[in-house]
Amino acid sequence: HYPLEAELKLKLALDSIPEELVFQENNIYQPLEKSLNWI
């Protein structure tokens, strides 16, 4: 005997993504790591 199919909808964690991304300004000098010898 089978009951009627039960439905479970997927709930997304993110409701929406903003159209424009807001970046935080940061003009503090950041030292660059030395490049590796990829060869």
PDB file of all heavy atoms in Angstrom:
ATOM      1  N   HIS A   1       0.856  -1.188   0.000  1.00  0.00           N
ATOM      2  CA  HIS A   1       0.000   0.000   0.000  1.00  0.00           C
ATOM      3  C   HIS A   1       0.895   1.243   0.000  1.00  0.00           C
ATOM      4  O   HIS A   1       1.831   1.346   0.805  1.00  0.00           O
ATOM      5  CB  HIS A   1      -0.902   0.020   1.239  1.00  0.00           C
ATOM      6  CG  HIS A   1      -1.807  -1.172   1.347  1.00  0.00           C
ATOM      7  ND1 HIS A   1      -3.052  -1.222   0.761  1.00  0.00           N
ATOM      8  CD2 HIS A   1      -1.621  -2.384   1.949  1.00  0.00           C
ATOM      9  CE1 HIS A   1      -3.610  -2.389   1.019  1.00  0.00           C
ATOM     10  NE2 HIS A   1      -2.755  -3.117   1.741  1.00  0.00           N
ATOM     11  N   TYR A   2       0.615   2.183  -0.883  1.00  0.00           N
ATOM     12  CA  TYR A   2       1.396   3.409  -0.998  1.00  0.00           C
ATOM     13  C   TYR A   2       0.523   4.619  -0.658  1.00  0.00           C
ATOM     14  O   TYR A   2      -0.623   4.707  -1.116  1.00  0.00           O
ATOM     15  CB  TYR A   2       1.931   3.595  -2.423  1.00  0.00           C
ATOM     16  CG  TYR A   2       3.112   2.731  -2.767  1.00  0.00           C
ATOM     17  CD1 TYR A   2       2.938   1.507  -3.407  1.00  0.00           C
ATOM     18  CD2 TYR A   2       4.403   3.127  -2.453  1.00  0.00           C
ATOM     19  CE1 TYR A   2       4.019   0.704  -3.729  1.00  0.00           C
ATOM     20  CE2 TYR A   2       5.487   2.334  -2.779  1.00  0.00           C
ATOM     21  CZ  TYR A   2       5.296   1.128  -3.419  1.00  0.00           C
ATOM     22  OH  TYR A   2       6.374   0.349  -3.736  1.00  0.00           O
ATOM     23  N   PRO A   3       1.053   5.560   0.123  1.00  0.00           N
ATOM     24  CA  PRO A   3       0.344   6.835   0.289  1.00  0.00           C
ATOM     25  C   PRO A   3       0.648   7.754  -0.897  1.00  0.00           C
ATOM     26  O   PRO A   3       1.472   7.430  -1.758  1.00  0.00           O
ATOM     27  CB  PRO A   3       0.954   7.392   1.578  1.00  0.00           C
ATOM     28  CG  PRO A   3       2.349   6.861   1.562  1.00  0.00           C
ATOM     29  CD  PRO A   3       2.263   5.488   0.928  1.00  0.00           C
ATOM     30  N   LEU A   4      -0.025   8.903  -0.933  1.00  0.00           N
ATOM     31  CA  LEU A   4       0.275   9.883  -1.971  1.00  0.00           C
ATOM     32  C   LEU A   4       1.691  10.431  -1.780  1.00  0.00           C
ATOM     33  O   LEU A   4       2.206  10.489  -0.661  1.00  0.00           O
ATOM     34  CB  LEU A   4      -0.743  11.027  -1.922  1.00  0.00           C
ATOM     35  CG  LEU A   4      -2.195  10.650  -2.251  1.00  0.00           C
ATOM     36  CD1 LEU A   4      -3.099  11.859  -2.078  1.00  0.00           C
ATOM     37  CD2 LEU A   4      -2.309  10.096  -3.669  1.00  0.00           C
ATOM     38  N   GLU A   5       2.316  10.841  -2.888  1.00  0.00           N
ATOM     39  CA  GLU A   5       3.668  11.393  -2.803  1.00  0.00           C
ATOM     40  C   GLU A   5       3.674  12.681  -1.977  1.00  0.00           C
ATOM     41  O   GLU A   5       2.806  13.531  -2.133  1.00  0.00           O
ATOM     42  CB  GLU A   5       4.208  11.686  -4.201  1.00  0.00           C
ATOM     43  CG  GLU A   5       4.791  10.480  -4.902  1.00  0.00           C
ATOM     44  CD  GLU A   5       5.564  10.862  -6.151  1.00  0.00           C
ATOM     45  OE1 GLU A   5       5.231  11.907  -6.740  1.00  0.00           O
ATOM     46  OE2 GLU A   5       6.477  10.131  -6.536  1.00  0.00           O
ATOM     47  N   ALA A   6       4.675  12.768  -1.090  1.00  0.00           N
ATOM     48  CA  ALA A   6       4.855  13.976  -0.292  1.00  0.00           C
ATOM     49  C   ALA A   6       5.988  14.802  -0.902  1.00  0.00           C
ATOM     50  O   ALA A   6       7.005  14.254  -1.323  1.00  0.00           O
ATOM     51  CB  ALA A   6       5.179  13.623   1.153  1.00  0.00           C
ATOM     52  N   GLU A   7       5.806  16.113  -0.928  1.00  0.00           N
ATOM     53  CA  GLU A   7       6.789  17.006  -1.559  1.00  0.00           C
ATOM     54  C   GLU A   7       7.572  17.753  -0.490  1.00  0.00           C
ATOM     55  O   GLU A   7       7.009  18.246   0.490  1.00  0.00           O
ATOM     56  CB  GLU A   7       6.082  18.016  -2.477  1.00  0.00           C
ATOM     57  CG  GLU A   7       7.045  18.989  -3.157  1.00  0.00           C
ATOM     58  CD  GLU A   7       6.332  20.027  -4.014  1.00  0.00           C
ATOM     59  OE1 GLU A   7       5.082  20.077  -3.931  1.00  0.00           O
ATOM     60  OE2 GLU A   7       7.006  20.795  -4.732  1.00  0.00           O
ATOM     61  N   LEU A   8       8.887  17.847  -0.680  1.00  0.00           N
ATOM     62  CA  LEU A   8       9.772  18.629   0.183  1.00  0.00           C
ATOM     63  C   LEU A   8      10.537  19.605  -0.698  1.00  0.00           C
ATOM     64  O   LEU A   8      11.334  19.196  -1.539  1.00  0.00           O
ATOM     65  CB  LEU A   8      10.741  17.720   0.945  1.00  0.00           C
ATOM     66  CG  LEU A   8      11.708  18.434   1.896  1.00  0.00           C
ATOM     67  CD1 LEU A   8      10.940  19.075   3.056  1.00  0.00           C
ATOM     68  CD2 LEU A   8      12.758  17.471   2.432  1.00  0.00           C
ATOM     69  N   LYS A   9      10.291  20.890  -0.501  1.00  0.00           N
ATOM     70  CA  LYS A   9      10.946  21.901  -1.314  1.00  0.00           C
ATOM     71  C   LYS A   9      12.309  22.257  -0.735  1.00  0.00           C
ATOM     72  O   LYS A   9      12.530  22.196   0.471  1.00  0.00           O
ATOM     73  CB  LYS A   9      10.067  23.159  -1.391  1.00  0.00           C
ATOM     74  CG  LYS A   9       8.730  22.921  -2.084  1.00  0.00           C
ATOM     75  CD  LYS A   9       7.909  24.190  -2.142  1.00  0.00           C
ATOM     76  CE  LYS A   9       6.577  23.946  -2.845  1.00  0.00           C
ATOM     77  NZ  LYS A   9       5.734  25.179  -2.888  1.00  0.00           N
ATOM     78  N   LEU A  10      13.229  22.626  -1.630  1.00  0.00           N
ATOM     79  CA  LEU A  10      14.579  23.008  -1.222  1.00  0.00           C
ATOM     80  C   LEU A  10      14.590  24.473  -0.816  1.00  0.00           C
ATOM     81  O   LEU A  10      14.180  25.341  -1.583  1.00  0.00           O
ATOM     82  CB  LEU A  10      15.563  22.762  -2.370  1.00  0.00           C
ATOM     83  CG  LEU A  10      17.020  23.162  -2.110  1.00  0.00           C
ATOM     84  CD1 LEU A  10      17.607  22.353  -0.967  1.00  0.00           C
ATOM     85  CD2 LEU A  10      17.856  22.974  -3.366  1.00  0.00           C
ATOM     86  N   LYS A  11      15.047  24.740   0.404  1.00  0.00           N
ATOM     87  CA  LYS A  11      15.137  26.113   0.903  1.00  0.00           C
ATOM     88  C   LYS A  11      16.581  26.597   0.714  1.00  0.00           C
ATOM     89  O   LYS A  11      17.520  26.026   1.269  1.00  0.00           O
ATOM     90  CB  LYS A  11      14.755  26.162   2.376  1.00  0.00           C
ATOM     91  CG  LYS A  11      14.735  27.586   2.954  1.00  0.00           C
ATOM     92  CD  LYS A  11      14.553  27.545   4.462  1.00  0.00           C
ATOM     93  CE  LYS A  11      13.218  26.948   4.833  1.00  0.00           C
ATOM     94  NZ  LYS A  11      13.017  26.971   6.316  1.00  0.00           N
ATOM     95  N   LEU A  12      16.743  27.632  -0.081  1.00  0.00           N
ATOM     96  CA  LEU A  12      18.078  28.166  -0.365  1.00  0.00           C
ATOM     97  C   LEU A  12      18.563  29.023   0.792  1.00  0.00           C
ATOM     98  O   LEU A  12      17.790  29.769   1.401  1.00  0.00           O
ATOM     99  CB  LEU A  12      18.063  28.971  -1.662  1.00  0.00           C
ATOM    100  CG  LEU A  12      17.686  28.182  -2.926  1.00  0.00           C
ATOM    101  CD1 LEU A  12      17.628  29.102  -4.132  1.00  0.00           C
ATOM    102  CD2 LEU A  12      18.675  27.056  -3.172  1.00  0.00           C
ATOM    103  N   ALA A  13      19.874  28.941   1.086  1.00  0.00           N
ATOM    104  CA  ALA A  13      20.432  29.712   2.196  1.00  0.00           C
ATOM    105  C   ALA A  13      20.517  31.193   1.859  1.00  0.00           C
ATOM    106  O   ALA A  13      20.356  32.060   2.721  1.00  0.00           O
ATOM    107  CB  ALA A  13      21.813  29.169   2.568  1.00  0.00           C
ATOM    108  N   LEU A  14      20.785  31.533   0.583  1.00  0.00           N
ATOM    109  CA  LEU A  14      20.874  32.925   0.148  1.00  0.00           C
ATOM    110  C   LEU A  14      19.580  33.307  -0.540  1.00  0.00           C
ATOM    111  O   LEU A  14      19.182  32.711  -1.536  1.00  0.00           O
ATOM    112  CB  LEU A  14      22.054  33.112  -0.818  1.00  0.00           C
ATOM    113  CG  LEU A  14      23.452  32.875  -0.229  1.00  0.00           C
ATOM    114  CD1 LEU A  14      24.505  33.028  -1.313  1.00  0.00           C
ATOM    115  CD2 LEU A  14      23.732  33.835   0.909  1.00  0.00           C
ATOM    116  N   ASP A  15      18.894  34.294   0.001  1.00  0.00           N
ATOM    117  CA  ASP A  15      17.645  34.736  -0.599  1.00  0.00           C
ATOM    118  C   ASP A  15      17.882  35.470  -1.913  1.00  0.00           C
ATOM    119  O   ASP A  15      17.159  35.301  -2.882  1.00  0.00           O
ATOM    120  CB  ASP A  15      16.881  35.648   0.376  1.00  0.00           C
ATOM    121  CG  ASP A  15      16.471  34.882   1.630  1.00  0.00           C
ATOM    122  OD1 ASP A  15      16.278  33.655   1.513  1.00  0.00           O
ATOM    123  OD2 ASP A  15      16.379  35.487   2.696  1.00  0.00           O
ATOM    124  N   SER A  16      18.905  36.306  -1.951  1.00  0.00           N
ATOM    125  CA  SER A  16      19.187  37.077  -3.165  1.00  0.00           C
ATOM    126  C   SER A  16      20.630  37.567  -3.150  1.00  0.00           C
ATOM    127  O   SER A  16      21.263  37.639  -2.096  1.00  0.00           O
ATOM    128  CB  SER A  16      18.227  38.277  -3.278  1.00  0.00           C
ATOM    129  OG  SER A  16      18.420  39.153  -2.170  1.00  0.00           O
ATOM    130  N   ILE A  17      21.144  37.906  -4.324  1.00  0.00           N
ATOM    131  CA  ILE A  17      22.493  38.450  -4.460  1.00  0.00           C
ATOM    132  C   ILE A  17      22.372  39.915  -4.872  1.00  0.00           C
ATOM    133  O   ILE A  17      21.631  40.252  -5.805  1.00  0.00           O
ATOM    134  CB  ILE A  17      23.293  37.685  -5.528  1.00  0.00           C
ATOM    135  CG1 ILE A  17      23.411  36.208  -5.103  1.00  0.00           C
ATOM    136  CG2 ILE A  17      24.669  38.291  -5.738  1.00  0.00           C
ATOM    137  CD1 ILE A  17      24.111  35.339  -6.113  1.00  0.00           C
ATOM    138  N   PRO A  18      23.066  40.847  -4.164  1.00  0.00           N
ATOM    139  CA  PRO A  18      22.953  42.267  -4.514  1.00  0.00           C
ATOM    140  C   PRO A  18      23.457  42.543  -5.928  1.00  0.00           C
ATOM    141  O   PRO A  18      24.392  41.902  -6.410  1.00  0.00           O
ATOM    142  CB  PRO A  18      23.828  42.958  -3.456  1.00  0.00           C
ATOM    143  CG  PRO A  18      24.741  41.892  -2.945  1.00  0.00           C
ATOM    144  CD  PRO A  18      23.976  40.625  -3.034  1.00  0.00           C
ATOM    145  N   GLU A  19      22.806  43.481  -6.607  1.00  0.00           N
ATOM    146  CA  GLU A  19      23.183  43.812  -7.983  1.00  0.00           C
ATOM    147  C   GLU A  19      24.561  44.462  -8.043  1.00  0.00           C
ATOM    148  O   GLU A  19      25.332  44.226  -8.961  1.00  0.00           O
ATOM    149  CB  GLU A  19      22.125  44.735  -8.593  1.00  0.00           C
ATOM    150  CG  GLU A  19      20.759  44.071  -8.740  1.00  0.00           C
ATOM    151  CD  GLU A  19      19.745  45.006  -9.368  1.00  0.00           C
ATOM    152  OE1 GLU A  19      20.124  46.167  -9.660  1.00  0.00           O
ATOM    153  OE2 GLU A  19      18.597  44.584  -9.575  1.00  0.00           O
ATOM    154  N   GLU A  20      24.895  45.330  -7.080  1.00  0.00           N
ATOM    155  CA  GLU A  20      26.191  46.007  -7.059  1.00  0.00           C
ATOM    156  C   GLU A  20      26.952  45.602  -5.807  1.00  0.00           C
ATOM    157  O   GLU A  20      26.429  45.670  -4.699  1.00  0.00           O
ATOM    158  CB  GLU A  20      26.006  47.532  -7.091  1.00  0.00           C
ATOM    159  CG  GLU A  20      25.363  48.045  -8.375  1.00  0.00           C
ATOM    160  CD  GLU A  20      25.283  49.565  -8.383  1.00  0.00           C
ATOM    161  OE1 GLU A  20      25.760  50.169  -7.389  1.00  0.00           O
ATOM    162  OE2 GLU A  20      24.773  50.124  -9.355  1.00  0.00           O
ATOM    163  N   LEU A  21      28.205  45.178  -5.993  1.00  0.00           N
ATOM    164  CA  LEU A  21      29.033  44.776  -4.866  1.00  0.00           C
ATOM    165  C   LEU A  21      29.695  46.003  -4.252  1.00  0.00           C
ATOM    166  O   LEU A  21      30.164  46.890  -4.958  1.00  0.00           O
ATOM    167  CB  LEU A  21      30.100  43.784  -5.329  1.00  0.00           C
ATOM    168  CG  LEU A  21      29.565  42.480  -5.940  1.00  0.00           C
ATOM    169  CD1 LEU A  21      30.735  41.595  -6.377  1.00  0.00           C
ATOM    170  CD2 LEU A  21      28.694  41.747  -4.942  1.00  0.00           C
ATOM    171  N   VAL A  22      29.738  46.060  -2.942  1.00  0.00           N
ATOM    172  CA  VAL A  22      30.340  47.183  -2.219  1.00  0.00           C
ATOM    173  C   VAL A  22      31.677  46.713  -1.655  1.00  0.00           C
ATOM    174  O   VAL A  22      31.730  45.749  -0.893  1.00  0.00           O
ATOM    175  CB  VAL A  22      29.423  47.667  -1.080  1.00  0.00           C
ATOM    176  CG1 VAL A  22      30.085  48.812  -0.323  1.00  0.00           C
ATOM    177  CG2 VAL A  22      28.066  48.092  -1.641  1.00  0.00           C
ATOM    178  N   PHE A  23      32.763  47.413  -2.053  1.00  0.00           N
ATOM    179  CA  PHE A  23      34.093  47.044  -1.599  1.00  0.00           C
ATOM    180  C   PHE A  23      34.546  48.011  -0.506  1.00  0.00           C
ATOM    181  O   PHE A  23      34.241  49.213  -0.538  1.00  0.00           O
ATOM    182  CB  PHE A  23      35.098  47.085  -2.756  1.00  0.00           C
ATOM    183  CG  PHE A  23      34.800  46.082  -3.834  1.00  0.00           C
ATOM    184  CD1 PHE A  23      34.041  46.426  -4.950  1.00  0.00           C
ATOM    185  CD2 PHE A  23      35.258  44.782  -3.727  1.00  0.00           C
ATOM    186  CE1 PHE A  23      33.756  45.505  -5.940  1.00  0.00           C
ATOM    187  CE2 PHE A  23      34.992  43.853  -4.718  1.00  0.00           C
ATOM    188  CZ  PHE A  23      34.239  44.209  -5.821  1.00  0.00           C
ATOM    189  N   GLN A  24      35.269  47.467   0.451  1.00  0.00           N
ATOM    190  CA  GLN A  24      35.809  48.300   1.515  1.00  0.00           C
ATOM    191  C   GLN A  24      37.160  48.886   1.080  1.00  0.00           C
ATOM    192  O   GLN A  24      38.033  48.149   0.617  1.00  0.00           O
ATOM    193  CB  GLN A  24      35.975  47.459   2.792  1.00  0.00           C
ATOM    194  CG  GLN A  24      36.494  48.271   3.976  1.00  0.00           C
ATOM    195  CD  GLN A  24      36.605  47.410   5.232  1.00  0.00           C
ATOM    196  OE1 GLN A  24      36.314  46.216   5.180  1.00  0.00           O
ATOM    197  NE2 GLN A  24      37.012  48.011   6.330  1.00  0.00           N
ATOM    198  N   GLU A  25      37.298  50.187   1.210  1.00  0.00           N
ATOM    199  CA  GLU A  25      38.539  50.857   0.798  1.00  0.00           C
ATOM    200  C   GLU A  25      39.649  50.561   1.798  1.00  0.00           C
ATOM    201  O   GLU A  25      39.450  50.577   3.002  1.00  0.00           O
ATOM    202  CB  GLU A  25      38.321  52.364   0.699  1.00  0.00           C
ATOM    203  CG  GLU A  25      37.352  52.756  -0.411  1.00  0.00           C
ATOM    204  CD  GLU A  25      37.242  54.264  -0.546  1.00  0.00           C
ATOM    205  OE1 GLU A  25      37.941  54.962   0.224  1.00  0.00           O
ATOM    206  OE2 GLU A  25      36.477  54.724  -1.405  1.00  0.00           O
ATOM    207  N   ASN A  26      40.840  50.290   1.249  1.00  0.00           N
ATOM    208  CA  ASN A  26      41.990  49.989   2.097  1.00  0.00           C
ATOM    209  C   ASN A  26      43.247  50.384   1.335  1.00  0.00           C
ATOM    210  O   ASN A  26      43.611  49.767   0.339  1.00  0.00           O
ATOM    211  CB  ASN A  26      42.015  48.497   2.435  1.00  0.00           C
ATOM    212  CG  ASN A  26      43.117  48.169   3.435  1.00  0.00           C
ATOM    213  OD1 ASN A  26      43.919  49.020   3.799  1.00  0.00           O
ATOM    214  ND2 ASN A  26      43.145  46.920   3.885  1.00  0.00           N
ATOM    215  N   ASN A  27      43.917  51.460   1.778  1.00  0.00           N
ATOM    216  CA  ASN A  27      45.125  51.944   1.110  1.00  0.00           C
ATOM    217  C   ASN A  27      46.391  51.643   1.905  1.00  0.00           C
ATOM    218  O   ASN A  27      47.435  52.260   1.708  1.00  0.00           O
ATOM    219  CB  ASN A  27      45.035  53.454   0.852  1.00  0.00           C
ATOM    220  CG  ASN A  27      44.782  54.225   2.149  1.00  0.00           C
ATOM    221  OD1 ASN A  27      44.710  53.637   3.223  1.00  0.00           O
ATOM    222  ND2 ASN A  27      44.671  55.549   2.034  1.00  0.00           N
ATOM    223  N   ILE A  28      46.294  50.684   2.857  1.00  0.00           N
ATOM    224  CA  ILE A  28      47.464  50.310   3.641  1.00  0.00           C
ATOM    225  C   ILE A  28      48.349  49.404   2.801  1.00  0.00           C
ATOM    226  O   ILE A  28      47.869  48.480   2.140  1.00  0.00           O
ATOM    227  CB  ILE A  28      47.040  49.593   4.945  1.00  0.00           C
ATOM    228  CG1 ILE A  28      46.162  50.527   5.785  1.00  0.00           C
ATOM    229  CG2 ILE A  28      48.251  49.140   5.742  1.00  0.00           C
ATOM    230  CD1 ILE A  28      45.617  49.878   7.045  1.00  0.00           C
ATOM    231  N   TYR A  29      49.634  49.657   2.828  1.00  0.00           N
ATOM    232  CA  TYR A  29      50.584  48.887   2.031  1.00  0.00           C
ATOM    233  C   TYR A  29      50.613  47.439   2.504  1.00  0.00           C
ATOM    234  O   TYR A  29      50.701  47.155   3.691  1.00  0.00           O
ATOM    235  CB  TYR A  29      51.988  49.501   2.140  1.00  0.00           C
ATOM    236  CG  TYR A  29      53.065  48.642   1.532  1.00  0.00           C
ATOM    237  CD1 TYR A  29      53.233  48.557   0.143  1.00  0.00           C
ATOM    238  CD2 TYR A  29      53.928  47.897   2.353  1.00  0.00           C
ATOM    239  CE1 TYR A  29      54.211  47.757  -0.403  1.00  0.00           C
ATOM    240  CE2 TYR A  29      54.915  47.101   1.796  1.00  0.00           C
ATOM    241  CZ  TYR A  29      55.053  47.040   0.414  1.00  0.00           C
ATOM    242  OH  TYR A  29      56.031  46.241  -0.130  1.00  0.00           O
ATOM    243  N   GLN A  30      50.513  46.557   1.565  1.00  0.00           N
ATOM    244  CA  GLN A  30      50.593  45.136   1.852  1.00  0.00           C
ATOM    245  C   GLN A  30      51.821  44.564   1.156  1.00  0.00           C
ATOM    246  O   GLN A  30      51.951  44.668  -0.057  1.00  0.00           O
ATOM    247  CB  GLN A  30      49.335  44.420   1.340  1.00  0.00           C
ATOM    248  CG  GLN A  30      48.044  44.881   2.000  1.00  0.00           C
ATOM    249  CD  GLN A  30      47.980  44.456   3.454  1.00  0.00           C
ATOM    250  OE1 GLN A  30      48.593  43.466   3.843  1.00  0.00           O
ATOM    251  NE2 GLN A  30      47.236  45.204   4.251  1.00  0.00           N
ATOM    252  N   PRO A  31      52.724  43.966   1.913  1.00  0.00           N
ATOM    253  CA  PRO A  31      53.923  43.406   1.284  1.00  0.00           C
ATOM    254  C   PRO A  31      53.572  42.222   0.393  1.00  0.00           C
ATOM    255  O   PRO A  31      52.704  41.414   0.724  1.00  0.00           O
ATOM    256  CB  PRO A  31      54.780  42.973   2.476  1.00  0.00           C
ATOM    257  CG  PRO A  31      53.804  42.774   3.593  1.00  0.00           C
ATOM    258  CD  PRO A  31      52.718  43.778   3.374  1.00  0.00           C
ATOM    259  N   LEU A  32      54.222  42.139  -0.737  1.00  0.00           N
ATOM    260  CA  LEU A  32      53.993  41.058  -1.681  1.00  0.00           C
ATOM    261  C   LEU A  32      54.980  39.930  -1.432  1.00  0.00           C
ATOM    262  O   LEU A  32      56.160  40.163  -1.173  1.00  0.00           O
ATOM    263  CB  LEU A  32      54.142  41.561  -3.125  1.00  0.00           C
ATOM    264  CG  LEU A  32      53.176  42.669  -3.549  1.00  0.00           C
ATOM    265  CD1 LEU A  32      53.486  43.110  -4.976  1.00  0.00           C
ATOM    266  CD2 LEU A  32      51.735  42.179  -3.447  1.00  0.00           C
ATOM    267  N   GLU A  33      54.461  38.724  -1.471  1.00  0.00           N
ATOM    268  CA  GLU A  33      55.334  37.577  -1.300  1.00  0.00           C
ATOM    269  C   GLU A  33      56.180  37.364  -2.558  1.00  0.00           C
ATOM    270  O   GLU A  33      55.760  37.678  -3.670  1.00  0.00           O
ATOM    271  CB  GLU A  33      54.502  36.317  -1.021  1.00  0.00           C
ATOM    272  CG  GLU A  33      53.704  36.401   0.274  1.00  0.00           C
ATOM    273  CD  GLU A  33      52.909  35.136   0.521  1.00  0.00           C
ATOM    274  OE1 GLU A  33      52.968  34.242  -0.356  1.00  0.00           O
ATOM    275  OE2 GLU A  33      52.241  35.052   1.568  1.00  0.00           O
ATOM    276  N   LYS A  34      57.381  36.840  -2.349  1.00  0.00           N
ATOM    277  CA  LYS A  34      58.248  36.562  -3.479  1.00  0.00           C
ATOM    278  C   LYS A  34      57.677  35.420  -4.309  1.00  0.00           C
ATOM    279  O   LYS A  34      57.139  34.458  -3.776  1.00  0.00           O
ATOM    280  CB  LYS A  34      59.645  36.194  -2.979  1.00  0.00           C
ATOM    281  CG  LYS A  34      60.365  37.343  -2.268  1.00  0.00           C
ATOM    282  CD  LYS A  34      61.757  36.921  -1.842  1.00  0.00           C
ATOM    283  CE  LYS A  34      62.479  38.077  -1.157  1.00  0.00           C
ATOM    284  NZ  LYS A  34      63.853  37.686  -0.720  1.00  0.00           N
ATOM    285  N   SER A  35      57.782  35.569  -5.612  1.00  0.00           N
ATOM    286  CA  SER A  35      57.244  34.554  -6.500  1.00  0.00           C
ATOM    287  C   SER A  35      58.095  33.287  -6.434  1.00  0.00           C
ATOM    288  O   SER A  35      59.312  33.336  -6.248  1.00  0.00           O
ATOM    289  CB  SER A  35      57.209  35.067  -7.943  1.00  0.00           C
ATOM    290  OG  SER A  35      58.521  35.414  -8.359  1.00  0.00           O
ATOM    291  N   LEU A  36      57.431  32.166  -6.563  1.00  0.00           N
ATOM    292  CA  LEU A  36      58.140  30.891  -6.533  1.00  0.00           C
ATOM    293  C   LEU A  36      58.690  30.552  -7.913  1.00  0.00           C
ATOM    294  O   LEU A  36      58.209  31.052  -8.936  1.00  0.00           O
ATOM    295  CB  LEU A  36      57.176  29.789  -6.066  1.00  0.00           C
ATOM    296  CG  LEU A  36      56.582  29.972  -4.661  1.00  0.00           C
ATOM    297  CD1 LEU A  36      55.558  28.874  -4.390  1.00  0.00           C
ATOM    298  CD2 LEU A  36      57.671  29.945  -3.597  1.00  0.00           C
ATOM    299  N   ASN A  37      59.651  29.686  -7.923  1.00  0.00           N
ATOM    300  CA  ASN A  37      60.226  29.229  -9.177  1.00  0.00           C
ATOM    301  C   ASN A  37      59.354  28.088  -9.704  1.00  0.00           C
ATOM    302  O   ASN A  37      59.550  26.909  -9.381  1.00  0.00           O
ATOM    303  CB  ASN A  37      61.670  28.757  -8.963  1.00  0.00           C
ATOM    304  CG  ASN A  37      62.389  28.554 -10.284  1.00  0.00           C
ATOM    305  OD1 ASN A  37      61.768  28.247 -11.298  1.00  0.00           O
ATOM    306  ND2 ASN A  37      63.711  28.721 -10.263  1.00  0.00           N
ATOM    307  N   TRP A  38      58.358  28.458 -10.508  1.00  0.00           N
ATOM    308  CA  TRP A  38      57.380  27.478 -10.960  1.00  0.00           C
ATOM    309  C   TRP A  38      57.969  26.454 -11.926  1.00  0.00           C
ATOM    310  O   TRP A  38      57.449  25.346 -12.058  1.00  0.00           O
ATOM    311  CB  TRP A  38      56.201  28.191 -11.636  1.00  0.00           C
ATOM    312  CG  TRP A  38      55.395  29.002 -10.657  1.00  0.00           C
ATOM    313  CD1 TRP A  38      55.353  30.343 -10.522  1.00  0.00           C
ATOM    314  CD2 TRP A  38      54.528  28.472  -9.650  1.00  0.00           C
ATOM    315  NE1 TRP A  38      54.519  30.726  -9.500  1.00  0.00           N
ATOM    316  CE2 TRP A  38      53.985  29.577  -8.941  1.00  0.00           C
ATOM    317  CE3 TRP A  38      54.159  27.182  -9.264  1.00  0.00           C
ATOM    318  CZ2 TRP A  38      53.103  29.426  -7.883  1.00  0.00           C
ATOM    319  CZ3 TRP A  38      53.275  27.031  -8.215  1.00  0.00           C
ATOM    320  CH2 TRP A  38      52.757  28.153  -7.540  1.00  0.00           C
ATOM    321  N   ILE A  39      59.068  26.809 -12.579  1.00  0.00           N
ATOM    322  CA  ILE A  39      59.695  25.850 -13.500  1.00  0.00           C
ATOM    323  C   ILE A  39      60.239  24.647 -12.737  1.00  0.00           C
ATOM    324  O   ILE A  39      59.997  23.483 -13.103  1.00  0.00           O
ATOM    325  CB  ILE A  39      60.812  26.532 -14.306  1.00  0.00           C
ATOM    326  CG1 ILE A  39      60.214  27.654 -15.180  1.00  0.00           C
ATOM    327  CG2 ILE A  39      61.548  25.508 -15.167  1.00  0.00           C
ATOM    328  CD1 ILE A  39      61.261  28.426 -15.968  1.00  0.00           C
TER     329      ILE A  39
END
